[in-house]
Amino acid sequence: MNKVNTFYAPIVMLITTGVLAGCAIDPVSGSGGGSGDAKITQHIEAQFDKHPDLGPPQEINVQTRNHVVYLSGLVDTGVAVADAESVARQAQGVSDVVNMIAVEQ
């Protein structure tokens, strides 16, 4: 029985190490996983509501994955595209912004 436990111990250790590496603490939310991403998205959407050129009827979608913000949708002007990216870059915890917003013609 002891030989079996000795055999499986390194395997269990490797699996545990791999699992724990994926559970890093999120500096924004203080927890592991995507909850920090959700908070970043919520914060950016709230900031957009404060800017008349970014709120309705503009159609800006915000998604955050691993602290990278993805912006997509349609706006009326190129200024709105630049403003949306600027607002997103200022949010705490954002490491990068991918801006795919198009100007409606």
Protein backbone atom coordinates (compact mmCIF):
# COMPACT_ATOMS: atom_id res chain seq x y z
CA MET A 1 0.00 0.00 0.00
CA ASN A 2 2.84 2.38 0.79
CA LYS A 3 4.40 1.79 -2.64
CA VAL A 4 1.14 2.79 -4.32
CA ASN A 5 0.96 6.07 -2.36
CA THR A 6 4.58 6.81 -3.23
CA PHE A 7 3.82 6.20 -6.89
CA TYR A 8 0.80 8.52 -7.01
CA ALA A 9 2.21 11.31 -4.82
CA PRO A 10 4.22 13.02 -7.64
CA ILE A 11 1.22 12.79 -9.98
CA VAL A 12 -1.09 14.37 -7.42
CA MET A 13 1.52 17.08 -6.78
CA LEU A 14 1.79 17.91 -10.50
CA ILE A 15 -1.97 18.07 -10.93
CA THR A 16 -2.38 20.27 -7.86
CA THR A 17 0.38 22.61 -9.02
CA GLY A 18 -1.27 23.00 -12.42
CA VAL A 19 -4.66 23.69 -10.87
CA LEU A 20 -3.35 26.20 -8.38
CA ALA A 21 -1.42 28.06 -11.07
CA GLY A 22 -4.74 28.84 -12.73
CA CYS A 23 -6.15 30.25 -9.49
CA ALA A 24 -4.06 33.41 -9.29
CA ILE A 25 -5.39 36.28 -7.23
CA ASP A 26 -7.03 39.02 -9.27
CA PRO A 27 -5.60 42.43 -8.21
CA VAL A 28 -8.86 44.26 -9.03
CA SER A 29 -11.36 42.03 -7.26
CA GLY A 30 -9.05 40.36 -4.75
CA SER A 31 -10.26 36.95 -5.87
CA GLY A 32 -9.33 34.38 -8.45
CA GLY A 33 -10.99 33.99 -11.82
CA GLY A 34 -13.01 36.31 -13.98
CA SER A 35 -14.81 38.37 -11.34
CA GLY A 36 -12.23 41.14 -11.82
CA ASP A 37 -13.02 41.10 -15.52
CA ALA A 38 -16.73 41.53 -14.75
CA LYS A 39 -15.97 44.50 -12.50
CA ILE A 40 -13.83 46.11 -15.20
CA THR A 41 -16.64 45.68 -17.73
CA GLN A 42 -19.23 47.14 -15.33
CA HIS A 43 -16.99 50.10 -14.52
CA ILE A 44 -16.36 50.92 -18.18
CA GLU A 45 -20.06 50.65 -19.05
CA ALA A 46 -20.88 53.00 -16.15
CA GLN A 47 -18.26 55.48 -17.43
CA PHE A 48 -19.74 55.31 -20.92
CA ASP A 49 -23.12 56.31 -19.47
CA LYS A 50 -21.49 59.49 -18.11
CA HIS A 51 -20.29 60.55 -21.57
CA PRO A 52 -23.10 61.83 -23.83
CA ASP A 53 -21.24 60.79 -27.00
CA LEU A 54 -20.82 57.19 -25.74
CA GLY A 55 -24.21 56.46 -24.18
CA PRO A 56 -27.42 55.57 -26.00
CA PRO A 57 -28.20 55.51 -28.86
CA GLN A 58 -24.59 54.38 -29.44
CA GLU A 59 -24.15 50.64 -29.54
CA ILE A 60 -20.88 49.89 -27.77
CA ASN A 61 -20.33 46.39 -26.43
CA VAL A 62 -17.71 45.83 -23.73
CA GLN A 63 -16.16 42.46 -22.94
CA THR A 64 -13.18 41.82 -20.70
CA ARG A 65 -11.03 38.70 -20.77
CA ASN A 66 -7.93 38.41 -18.61
CA HIS A 67 -7.91 42.20 -18.08
CA VAL A 68 -7.98 42.88 -21.84
CA VAL A 69 -11.00 44.97 -22.83
CA TYR A 70 -12.66 44.29 -26.18
CA LEU A 71 -14.82 47.10 -27.56
CA SER A 72 -17.17 46.52 -30.49
CA GLY A 73 -20.27 48.04 -31.99
CA LEU A 74 -21.37 51.10 -33.96
CA VAL A 75 -21.07 54.81 -33.17
CA ASP A 76 -21.86 58.01 -35.04
CA THR A 77 -18.37 59.57 -35.17
CA GLY A 78 -14.70 58.77 -35.12
CA VAL A 79 -14.40 60.94 -32.02
CA ALA A 80 -16.70 58.52 -30.18
CA VAL A 81 -14.43 55.63 -31.19
CA ALA A 82 -11.38 57.39 -29.73
CA ASP A 83 -13.27 58.50 -26.61
CA ALA A 84 -14.49 54.97 -25.89
CA GLU A 85 -10.97 53.60 -26.11
CA SER A 86 -9.63 56.39 -23.89
CA VAL A 87 -12.27 55.73 -21.23
CA ALA A 88 -11.58 51.99 -21.32
CA ARG A 89 -7.81 52.46 -21.00
CA GLN A 90 -8.29 54.59 -17.87
CA ALA A 91 -10.16 51.86 -15.97
CA GLN A 92 -8.24 50.29 -13.12
CA GLY A 93 -6.96 46.80 -13.88
CA VAL A 94 -7.04 47.10 -17.68
CA SER A 95 -3.89 45.73 -19.32
CA ASP A 96 -4.89 46.43 -22.94
CA VAL A 97 -7.81 47.56 -25.10
CA VAL A 98 -8.78 46.03 -28.44
CA ASN A 99 -10.96 48.56 -30.22
CA MET A 100 -13.20 47.11 -32.94
CA ILE A 101 -15.81 49.89 -32.89
CA ALA A 102 -17.00 51.00 -36.35
CA VAL A 103 -18.41 54.36 -37.43
CA GLU A 104 -21.92 54.04 -38.81
CA GLN A 105 -22.23 55.62 -42.26
